[in-house]
Amino acid sequence: MCCGYPDLDDDDYKKADPTSYHQLSEAIDEAAFDQISIEDKHCCNDLTLLERFQKIRLLFLCCRNSIQPPRNGRRSKERLQAAMNHIDQEIG
């Protein structure tokens, strides 16, 4: 799922409200999905969002979509480490 890259400068590009994931989280968690992916790099979601999903498995994407390869993975690593504080780390 993607909120439409809210940090892009193109005013004509339709962007979702940055709180869209939070607003939809309960309905998404109750839907008939086994797993979803959430794009986070451009939104930098409030990580408490991750706590709202109890029934489905999340794929948390925190790398910038780009033709260019990432310069280094430090920021992505830091973001993933912060996300770990908001999920149940027990995998069944």
PDB file of N, CA and C in Angstrom:
ATOM      1  N   MET A   1       0.854  -1.169   0.000  1.00  0.00           N
ATOM      2  CA  MET A   1       0.000   0.000   0.000  1.00  0.00           C
ATOM      3  C   MET A   1       0.894   1.224   0.000  1.00  0.00           C
ATOM      4  N   CYS A   2       0.454   2.222  -0.693  1.00  0.00           N
ATOM      5  CA  CYS A   2       1.257   3.438  -0.820  1.00  0.00           C
ATOM      6  C   CYS A   2       0.340   4.644  -0.691  1.00  0.00           C
ATOM      7  N   CYS A   3       0.793   5.629   0.037  1.00  0.00           N
ATOM      8  CA  CYS A   3      -0.012   6.851   0.234  1.00  0.00           C
ATOM      9  C   CYS A   3       0.240   7.912  -0.827  1.00  0.00           C
ATOM     10  N   GLY A   4       0.963   7.591  -1.863  1.00  0.00           N
ATOM     11  CA  GLY A   4       1.124   8.541  -2.954  1.00  0.00           C
ATOM     12  C   GLY A   4       2.298   9.488  -2.784  1.00  0.00           C
ATOM     13  N   TYR A   5       3.323   9.082  -2.084  1.00  0.00           N
ATOM     14  CA  TYR A   5       4.539   9.884  -1.936  1.00  0.00           C
ATOM     15  C   TYR A   5       4.240  11.338  -1.585  1.00  0.00           C
ATOM     16  N   PRO A   6       3.778  11.601  -0.373  1.00  0.00           N
ATOM     17  CA  PRO A   6       3.329  12.946   0.007  1.00  0.00           C
ATOM     18  C   PRO A   6       4.415  14.007   0.018  1.00  0.00           C
ATOM     19  N   ASP A   7       5.685  13.620  -0.088  1.00  0.00           N
ATOM     20  CA  ASP A   7       6.722  14.646  -0.068  1.00  0.00           C
ATOM     21  C   ASP A   7       7.156  15.091  -1.464  1.00  0.00           C
ATOM     22  N   LEU A   8       6.513  14.577  -2.514  1.00  0.00           N
ATOM     23  CA  LEU A   8       6.862  15.031  -3.859  1.00  0.00           C
ATOM     24  C   LEU A   8       6.383  16.468  -4.054  1.00  0.00           C
ATOM     25  N   ASP A   9       7.125  17.220  -4.832  1.00  0.00           N
ATOM     26  CA  ASP A   9       6.814  18.636  -5.030  1.00  0.00           C
ATOM     27  C   ASP A   9       5.751  18.898  -6.096  1.00  0.00           C
ATOM     28  N   ASP A  10       5.433  17.925  -6.909  1.00  0.00           N
ATOM     29  CA  ASP A  10       4.469  18.097  -7.994  1.00  0.00           C
ATOM     30  C   ASP A  10       3.070  18.315  -7.420  1.00  0.00           C
ATOM     31  N   ASP A  11       2.540  19.523  -7.533  1.00  0.00           N
ATOM     32  CA  ASP A  11       1.237  19.864  -6.978  1.00  0.00           C
ATOM     33  C   ASP A  11       0.091  19.126  -7.658  1.00  0.00           C
ATOM     34  N   ASP A  12       0.291  18.674  -8.892  1.00  0.00           N
ATOM     35  CA  ASP A  12      -0.762  17.976  -9.620  1.00  0.00           C
ATOM     36  C   ASP A  12      -0.826  16.488  -9.270  1.00  0.00           C
ATOM     37  N   TYR A  13       0.159  15.986  -8.553  1.00  0.00           N
ATOM     38  CA  TYR A  13       0.192  14.581  -8.173  1.00  0.00           C
ATOM     39  C   TYR A  13      -0.711  14.368  -6.958  1.00  0.00           C
ATOM     40  N   LYS A  14      -1.721  13.525  -7.107  1.00  0.00           N
ATOM     41  CA  LYS A  14      -2.670  13.302  -6.005  1.00  0.00           C
ATOM     42  C   LYS A  14      -1.976  12.566  -4.868  1.00  0.00           C
ATOM     43  N   LYS A  15      -2.117  13.123  -3.668  1.00  0.00           N
ATOM     44  CA  LYS A  15      -1.479  12.558  -2.496  1.00  0.00           C
ATOM     45  C   LYS A  15      -2.540  12.249  -1.447  1.00  0.00           C
ATOM     46  N   ALA A  16      -2.329  11.150  -0.740  1.00  0.00           N
ATOM     47  CA  ALA A  16      -3.238  10.791   0.349  1.00  0.00           C
ATOM     48  C   ALA A  16      -2.876  11.595   1.595  1.00  0.00           C
ATOM     49  N   ASP A  17      -3.843  11.735   2.459  1.00  0.00           N
ATOM     50  CA  ASP A  17      -3.604  12.331   3.769  1.00  0.00           C
ATOM     51  C   ASP A  17      -2.537  11.491   4.467  1.00  0.00           C
ATOM     52  N   PRO A  18      -1.530  12.110   5.065  1.00  0.00           N
ATOM     53  CA  PRO A  18      -0.467  11.350   5.723  1.00  0.00           C
ATOM     54  C   PRO A  18      -0.956  10.432   6.845  1.00  0.00           C
ATOM     55  N   THR A  19      -2.157  10.650   7.342  1.00  0.00           N
ATOM     56  CA  THR A  19      -2.691   9.785   8.400  1.00  0.00           C
ATOM     57  C   THR A  19      -3.580   8.664   7.831  1.00  0.00           C
ATOM     58  N   SER A  20      -3.573   8.487   6.523  1.00  0.00           N
ATOM     59  CA  SER A  20      -4.454   7.495   5.889  1.00  0.00           C
ATOM     60  C   SER A  20      -4.266   6.092   6.447  1.00  0.00           C
ATOM     61  N   TYR A  21      -3.039   5.660   6.639  1.00  0.00           N
ATOM     62  CA  TYR A  21      -2.821   4.318   7.169  1.00  0.00           C
ATOM     63  C   TYR A  21      -3.474   4.171   8.545  1.00  0.00           C
ATOM     64  N   HIS A  22      -3.318   5.179   9.391  1.00  0.00           N
ATOM     65  CA  HIS A  22      -3.931   5.119  10.721  1.00  0.00           C
ATOM     66  C   HIS A  22      -5.452   5.061  10.612  1.00  0.00           C
ATOM     67  N   GLN A  23      -6.015   5.861   9.722  1.00  0.00           N
ATOM     68  CA  GLN A  23      -7.468   5.899   9.572  1.00  0.00           C
ATOM     69  C   GLN A  23      -8.026   4.568   9.072  1.00  0.00           C
ATOM     70  N   LEU A  24      -7.265   3.867   8.261  1.00  0.00           N
ATOM     71  CA  LEU A  24      -7.731   2.624   7.648  1.00  0.00           C
ATOM     72  C   LEU A  24      -7.275   1.368   8.382  1.00  0.00           C
ATOM     73  N   SER A  25      -6.410   1.499   9.368  1.00  0.00           N
ATOM     74  CA  SER A  25      -5.756   0.342   9.970  1.00  0.00           C
ATOM     75  C   SER A  25      -6.719  -0.694  10.545  1.00  0.00           C
ATOM     76  N   GLU A  26      -7.763  -0.265  11.229  1.00  0.00           N
ATOM     77  CA  GLU A  26      -8.694  -1.226  11.822  1.00  0.00           C
ATOM     78  C   GLU A  26      -9.392  -2.040  10.736  1.00  0.00           C
ATOM     79  N   ALA A  27      -9.867  -1.373   9.713  1.00  0.00           N
ATOM     80  CA  ALA A  27     -10.550  -2.073   8.620  1.00  0.00           C
ATOM     81  C   ALA A  27      -9.586  -2.994   7.877  1.00  0.00           C
ATOM     82  N   ILE A  28      -8.364  -2.557   7.696  1.00  0.00           N
ATOM     83  CA  ILE A  28      -7.371  -3.393   7.018  1.00  0.00           C
ATOM     84  C   ILE A  28      -7.069  -4.632   7.855  1.00  0.00           C
ATOM     85  N   ASP A  29      -6.910  -4.462   9.157  1.00  0.00           N
ATOM     86  CA  ASP A  29      -6.594  -5.585  10.030  1.00  0.00           C
ATOM     87  C   ASP A  29      -7.737  -6.601  10.067  1.00  0.00           C
ATOM     88  N   GLU A  30      -8.966  -6.139   9.879  1.00  0.00           N
ATOM     89  CA  GLU A  30     -10.128  -7.024   9.895  1.00  0.00           C
ATOM     90  C   GLU A  30     -10.430  -7.628   8.522  1.00  0.00           C
ATOM     91  N   ALA A  31      -9.811  -7.119   7.479  1.00  0.00           N
ATOM     92  CA  ALA A  31     -10.074  -7.606   6.119  1.00  0.00           C
ATOM     93  C   ALA A  31      -9.472  -9.001   5.927  1.00  0.00           C
ATOM     94  N   ALA A  32      -9.810  -9.621   4.829  1.00  0.00           N
ATOM     95  CA  ALA A  32      -9.388 -10.993   4.558  1.00  0.00           C
ATOM     96  C   ALA A  32      -8.005 -11.051   3.901  1.00  0.00           C
ATOM     97  N   PHE A  33      -7.051 -10.319   4.460  1.00  0.00           N
ATOM     98  CA  PHE A  33      -5.682 -10.352   3.950  1.00  0.00           C
ATOM     99  C   PHE A  33      -4.826 -11.196   4.879  1.00  0.00           C
ATOM    100  N   ASP A  34      -3.869 -11.917   4.321  1.00  0.00           N
ATOM    101  CA  ASP A  34      -2.877 -12.624   5.135  1.00  0.00           C
ATOM    102  C   ASP A  34      -1.733 -11.681   5.489  1.00  0.00           C
ATOM    103  N   GLN A  35      -1.398 -10.822   4.531  1.00  0.00           N
ATOM    104  CA  GLN A  35      -0.311  -9.873   4.749  1.00  0.00           C
ATOM    105  C   GLN A  35      -0.484  -8.669   3.834  1.00  0.00           C
ATOM    106  N   ILE A  36       0.112  -7.566   4.243  1.00  0.00           N
ATOM    107  CA  ILE A  36       0.136  -6.354   3.431  1.00  0.00           C
ATOM    108  C   ILE A  36       1.526  -5.753   3.530  1.00  0.00           C
ATOM    109  N   SER A  37       1.847  -4.915   2.582  1.00  0.00           N
ATOM    110  CA  SER A  37       3.082  -4.146   2.681  1.00  0.00           C
ATOM    111  C   SER A  37       2.704  -2.680   2.812  1.00  0.00           C
ATOM    112  N   ILE A  38       3.461  -1.993   3.645  1.00  0.00           N
ATOM    113  CA  ILE A  38       3.236  -0.562   3.874  1.00  0.00           C
ATOM    114  C   ILE A  38       4.499   0.174   3.475  1.00  0.00           C
ATOM    115  N   GLU A  39       4.354   1.121   2.566  1.00  0.00           N
ATOM    116  CA  GLU A  39       5.468   1.955   2.132  1.00  0.00           C
ATOM    117  C   GLU A  39       5.641   3.060   3.156  1.00  0.00           C
ATOM    118  N   ASP A  40       6.815   3.169   3.717  1.00  0.00           N
ATOM    119  CA  ASP A  40       7.038   4.130   4.804  1.00  0.00           C
ATOM    120  C   ASP A  40       8.051   5.215   4.469  1.00  0.00           C
ATOM    121  N   LYS A  41       8.921   4.995   3.529  1.00  0.00           N
ATOM    122  CA  LYS A  41      10.036   5.919   3.296  1.00  0.00           C
ATOM    123  C   LYS A  41       9.569   7.349   3.051  1.00  0.00           C
ATOM    124  N   HIS A  42       8.555   7.511   2.233  1.00  0.00           N
ATOM    125  CA  HIS A  42       8.118   8.861   1.884  1.00  0.00           C
ATOM    126  C   HIS A  42       7.175   9.460   2.920  1.00  0.00           C
ATOM    127  N   CYS A  43       6.432   8.615   3.626  1.00  0.00           N
ATOM    128  CA  CYS A  43       5.466   9.101   4.618  1.00  0.00           C
ATOM    129  C   CYS A  43       6.080   9.293   5.996  1.00  0.00           C
ATOM    130  N   CYS A  44       7.060   8.456   6.327  1.00  0.00           N
ATOM    131  CA  CYS A  44       7.611   8.424   7.693  1.00  0.00           C
ATOM    132  C   CYS A  44       6.464   8.386   8.699  1.00  0.00           C
ATOM    133  N   ASN A  45       5.717   7.301   8.633  1.00  0.00           N
ATOM    134  CA  ASN A  45       4.551   7.115   9.503  1.00  0.00           C
ATOM    135  C   ASN A  45       4.927   7.193  10.976  1.00  0.00           C
ATOM    136  N   ASP A  46       3.956   7.595  11.780  1.00  0.00           N
ATOM    137  CA  ASP A  46       4.076   7.452  13.221  1.00  0.00           C
ATOM    138  C   ASP A  46       4.134   5.940  13.453  1.00  0.00           C
ATOM    139  N   LEU A  47       5.206   5.462  14.040  1.00  0.00           N
ATOM    140  CA  LEU A  47       5.419   4.020  14.135  1.00  0.00           C
ATOM    141  C   LEU A  47       4.441   3.308  15.065  1.00  0.00           C
ATOM    142  N   THR A  48       3.636   4.044  15.816  1.00  0.00           N
ATOM    143  CA  THR A  48       2.586   3.384  16.587  1.00  0.00           C
ATOM    144  C   THR A  48       1.578   2.716  15.646  1.00  0.00           C
ATOM    145  N   LEU A  49       1.600   3.102  14.379  1.00  0.00           N
ATOM    146  CA  LEU A  49       0.769   2.451  13.372  1.00  0.00           C
ATOM    147  C   LEU A  49       0.993   0.949  13.382  1.00  0.00           C
ATOM    148  N   LEU A  50       2.214   0.521  13.541  1.00  0.00           N
ATOM    149  CA  LEU A  50       2.541  -0.904  13.488  1.00  0.00           C
ATOM    150  C   LEU A  50       1.850  -1.689  14.598  1.00  0.00           C
ATOM    151  N   GLU A  51       1.569  -1.036  15.702  1.00  0.00           N
ATOM    152  CA  GLU A  51       0.902  -1.682  16.829  1.00  0.00           C
ATOM    153  C   GLU A  51      -0.563  -1.972  16.538  1.00  0.00           C
ATOM    154  N   ARG A  52      -1.115  -1.332  15.553  1.00  0.00           N
ATOM    155  CA  ARG A  52      -2.543  -1.438  15.261  1.00  0.00           C
ATOM    156  C   ARG A  52      -2.897  -2.702  14.476  1.00  0.00           C
ATOM    157  N   PHE A  53      -1.895  -3.370  13.933  1.00  0.00           N
ATOM    158  CA  PHE A  53      -2.130  -4.587  13.151  1.00  0.00           C
ATOM    159  C   PHE A  53      -1.825  -5.798  14.016  1.00  0.00           C
ATOM    160  N   GLN A  54      -2.867  -6.526  14.377  1.00  0.00           N
ATOM    161  CA  GLN A  54      -2.705  -7.689  15.241  1.00  0.00           C
ATOM    162  C   GLN A  54      -2.975  -9.010  14.510  1.00  0.00           C
ATOM    163  N   LYS A  55      -3.676  -8.942  13.397  1.00  0.00           N
ATOM    164  CA  LYS A  55      -4.112 -10.172  12.729  1.00  0.00           C
ATOM    165  C   LYS A  55      -3.364 -10.491  11.443  1.00  0.00           C
ATOM    166  N   ILE A  56      -2.750  -9.509  10.848  1.00  0.00           N
ATOM    167  CA  ILE A  56      -2.087  -9.747   9.570  1.00  0.00           C
ATOM    168  C   ILE A  56      -0.593  -9.496   9.693  1.00  0.00           C
ATOM    169  N   ARG A  57       0.146 -10.102   8.816  1.00  0.00           N
ATOM    170  CA  ARG A  57       1.596  -9.913   8.780  1.00  0.00           C
ATOM    171  C   ARG A  57       1.906  -8.689   7.925  1.00  0.00           C
ATOM    172  N   LEU A  58       2.808  -7.861   8.413  1.00  0.00           N
ATOM    173  CA  LEU A  58       3.193  -6.635   7.709  1.00  0.00           C
ATOM    174  C   LEU A  58       4.558  -6.773   7.072  1.00  0.00           C
ATOM    175  N   LEU A  59       4.674  -6.232   5.890  1.00  0.00           N
ATOM    176  CA  LEU A  59       5.959  -6.012   5.246  1.00  0.00           C
ATOM    177  C   LEU A  59       6.166  -4.509   5.317  1.00  0.00           C
ATOM    178  N   PHE A  60       7.198  -4.083   5.980  1.00  0.00           N
ATOM    179  CA  PHE A  60       7.433  -2.666   6.233  1.00  0.00           C
ATOM    180  C   PHE A  60       8.552  -2.190   5.315  1.00  0.00           C
ATOM    181  N   LEU A  61       8.226  -1.341   4.364  1.00  0.00           N
ATOM    182  CA  LEU A  61       9.173  -0.915   3.334  1.00  0.00           C
ATOM    183  C   LEU A  61       9.724   0.464   3.664  1.00  0.00           C
ATOM    184  N   CYS A  62      11.021   0.543   3.832  1.00  0.00           N
ATOM    185  CA  CYS A  62      11.599   1.831   4.234  1.00  0.00           C
ATOM    186  C   CYS A  62      12.798   2.211   3.362  1.00  0.00           C
ATOM    187  N   CYS A  63      12.761   1.800   2.108  1.00  0.00           N
ATOM    188  CA  CYS A  63      13.796   2.196   1.151  1.00  0.00           C
ATOM    189  C   CYS A  63      13.155   3.072   0.093  1.00  0.00           C
ATOM    190  N   ARG A  64      13.847   4.095  -0.298  1.00  0.00           N
ATOM    191  CA  ARG A  64      13.329   5.025  -1.301  1.00  0.00           C
ATOM    192  C   ARG A  64      13.218   4.346  -2.663  1.00  0.00           C
ATOM    193  N   ASN A  65      12.071   4.523  -3.311  1.00  0.00           N
ATOM    194  CA  ASN A  65      11.909   4.035  -4.677  1.00  0.00           C
ATOM    195  C   ASN A  65      12.680   4.958  -5.598  1.00  0.00           C
ATOM    196  N   SER A  66      13.612   4.394  -6.331  1.00  0.00           N
ATOM    197  CA  SER A  66      14.464   5.227  -7.157  1.00  0.00           C
ATOM    198  C   SER A  66      15.201   4.366  -8.168  1.00  0.00           C
ATOM    199  N   ILE A  67      15.616   4.988  -9.243  1.00  0.00           N
ATOM    200  CA  ILE A  67      16.461   4.296 -10.210  1.00  0.00           C
ATOM    201  C   ILE A  67      17.868   4.143  -9.635  1.00  0.00           C
ATOM    202  N   GLN A  68      18.296   5.134  -8.880  1.00  0.00           N
ATOM    203  CA  GLN A  68      19.627   5.114  -8.289  1.00  0.00           C
ATOM    204  C   GLN A  68      19.671   4.166  -7.096  1.00  0.00           C
ATOM    205  N   PRO A  69      20.751   3.423  -6.943  1.00  0.00           N
ATOM    206  CA  PRO A  69      20.872   2.579  -5.742  1.00  0.00           C
ATOM    207  C   PRO A  69      21.054   3.458  -4.501  1.00  0.00           C
ATOM    208  N   PRO A  70      20.661   2.959  -3.323  1.00  0.00           N
ATOM    209  CA  PRO A  70      20.854   3.746  -2.103  1.00  0.00           C
ATOM    210  C   PRO A  70      22.334   4.011  -1.852  1.00  0.00           C
ATOM    211  N   ARG A  71      22.627   5.188  -1.328  1.00  0.00           N
ATOM    212  CA  ARG A  71      24.027   5.529  -1.032  1.00  0.00           C
ATOM    213  C   ARG A  71      24.563   4.713   0.132  1.00  0.00           C
ATOM    214  N   ASN A  72      23.745   4.584   1.153  1.00  0.00           N
ATOM    215  CA  ASN A  72      24.077   3.677   2.258  1.00  0.00           C
ATOM    216  C   ASN A  72      22.777   3.285   2.932  1.00  0.00           C
ATOM    217  N   GLY A  73      22.820   2.230   3.689  1.00  0.00           N
ATOM    218  CA  GLY A  73      21.604   1.730   4.311  1.00  0.00           C
ATOM    219  C   GLY A  73      21.425   2.180   5.752  1.00  0.00           C
ATOM    220  N   ARG A  74      22.222   3.147   6.214  1.00  0.00           N
ATOM    221  CA  ARG A  74      22.177   3.564   7.620  1.00  0.00           C
ATOM    222  C   ARG A  74      20.791   4.041   8.028  1.00  0.00           C
ATOM    223  N   ARG A  75      20.183   4.914   7.239  1.00  0.00           N
ATOM    224  CA  ARG A  75      18.861   5.452   7.608  1.00  0.00           C
ATOM    225  C   ARG A  75      17.794   4.363   7.599  1.00  0.00           C
ATOM    226  N   SER A  76      17.835   3.491   6.613  1.00  0.00           N
ATOM    227  CA  SER A  76      16.872   2.391   6.569  1.00  0.00           C
ATOM    228  C   SER A  76      17.061   1.471   7.771  1.00  0.00           C
ATOM    229  N   LYS A  77      18.302   1.186   8.111  1.00  0.00           N
ATOM    230  CA  LYS A  77      18.586   0.340   9.272  1.00  0.00           C
ATOM    231  C   LYS A  77      18.049   0.986  10.546  1.00  0.00           C
ATOM    232  N   GLU A  78      18.276   2.285  10.717  1.00  0.00           N
ATOM    233  CA  GLU A  78      17.783   2.995  11.901  1.00  0.00           C
ATOM    234  C   GLU A  78      16.256   2.971  11.955  1.00  0.00           C
ATOM    235  N   ARG A  79      15.614   3.137  10.816  1.00  0.00           N
ATOM    236  CA  ARG A  79      14.149   3.130  10.769  1.00  0.00           C
ATOM    237  C   ARG A  79      13.611   1.750  11.132  1.00  0.00           C
ATOM    238  N   LEU A  80      14.228   0.709  10.610  1.00  0.00           N
ATOM    239  CA  LEU A  80      13.807  -0.651  10.932  1.00  0.00           C
ATOM    240  C   LEU A  80      14.021  -0.966  12.410  1.00  0.00           C
ATOM    241  N   GLN A  81      15.127  -0.506  12.959  1.00  0.00           N
ATOM    242  CA  GLN A  81      15.380  -0.720  14.384  1.00  0.00           C
ATOM    243  C   GLN A  81      14.318  -0.015  15.237  1.00  0.00           C
ATOM    244  N   ALA A  82      13.934   1.186  14.850  1.00  0.00           N
ATOM    245  CA  ALA A  82      12.884   1.912  15.576  1.00  0.00           C
ATOM    246  C   ALA A  82      11.546   1.180  15.446  1.00  0.00           C
ATOM    247  N   ALA A  83      11.262   0.637  14.273  1.00  0.00           N
ATOM    248  CA  ALA A  83      10.005  -0.088  14.047  1.00  0.00           C
ATOM    249  C   ALA A  83       9.921  -1.323  14.934  1.00  0.00           C
ATOM    250  N   MET A  84      11.049  -1.948  15.213  1.00  0.00           N
ATOM    251  CA  MET A  84      11.063  -3.156  16.037  1.00  0.00           C
ATOM    252  C   MET A  84      10.507  -2.904  17.434  1.00  0.00           C
ATOM    253  N   ASN A  85      10.522  -1.657  17.886  1.00  0.00           N
ATOM    254  CA  ASN A  85       9.962  -1.325  19.196  1.00  0.00           C
ATOM    255  C   ASN A  85       8.433  -1.320  19.206  1.00  0.00           C
ATOM    256  N   HIS A  86       7.829  -1.459  18.044  1.00  0.00           N
ATOM    257  CA  HIS A  86       6.369  -1.349  17.922  1.00  0.00           C
ATOM    258  C   HIS A  86       5.704  -2.619  17.401  1.00  0.00           C
ATOM    259  N   ILE A  87       6.440  -3.708  17.330  1.00  0.00           N
ATOM    260  CA  ILE A  87       5.854  -4.947  16.839  1.00  0.00           C
ATOM    261  C   ILE A  87       6.143  -6.092  17.807  1.00  0.00           C
ATOM    262  N   ASP A  88       5.315  -7.115  17.716  1.00  0.00           N
ATOM    263  CA  ASP A  88       5.552  -8.338  18.456  1.00  0.00           C
ATOM    264  C   ASP A  88       6.628  -9.100  17.697  1.00  0.00           C
ATOM    265  N   GLN A  89       7.750  -9.292  18.304  1.00  0.00           N
ATOM    266  CA  GLN A  89       8.877  -9.900  17.616  1.00  0.00           C
ATOM    267  C   GLN A  89       8.829 -11.417  17.630  1.00  0.00           C
ATOM    268  N   GLU A  90       7.817 -11.973  18.271  1.00  0.00           N
ATOM    269  CA  GLU A  90       7.625 -13.420  18.247  1.00  0.00           C
ATOM    270  C   GLU A  90       6.972 -13.789  16.925  1.00  0.00           C
ATOM    271  N   ILE A  91       7.620 -14.624  16.155  1.00  0.00           N
ATOM    272  CA  ILE A  91       7.079 -15.065  14.864  1.00  0.00           C
ATOM    273  C   ILE A  91       6.598 -16.498  15.025  1.00  0.00           C
ATOM    274  N   GLY A  92       5.310 -16.702  14.699  1.00  0.00           N
ATOM    275  CA  GLY A  92       4.729 -18.025  14.885  1.00  0.00           C
ATOM    276  C   GLY A  92       4.738 -18.845  13.638  1.00  0.00           C
TER     277      GLY A  92
END
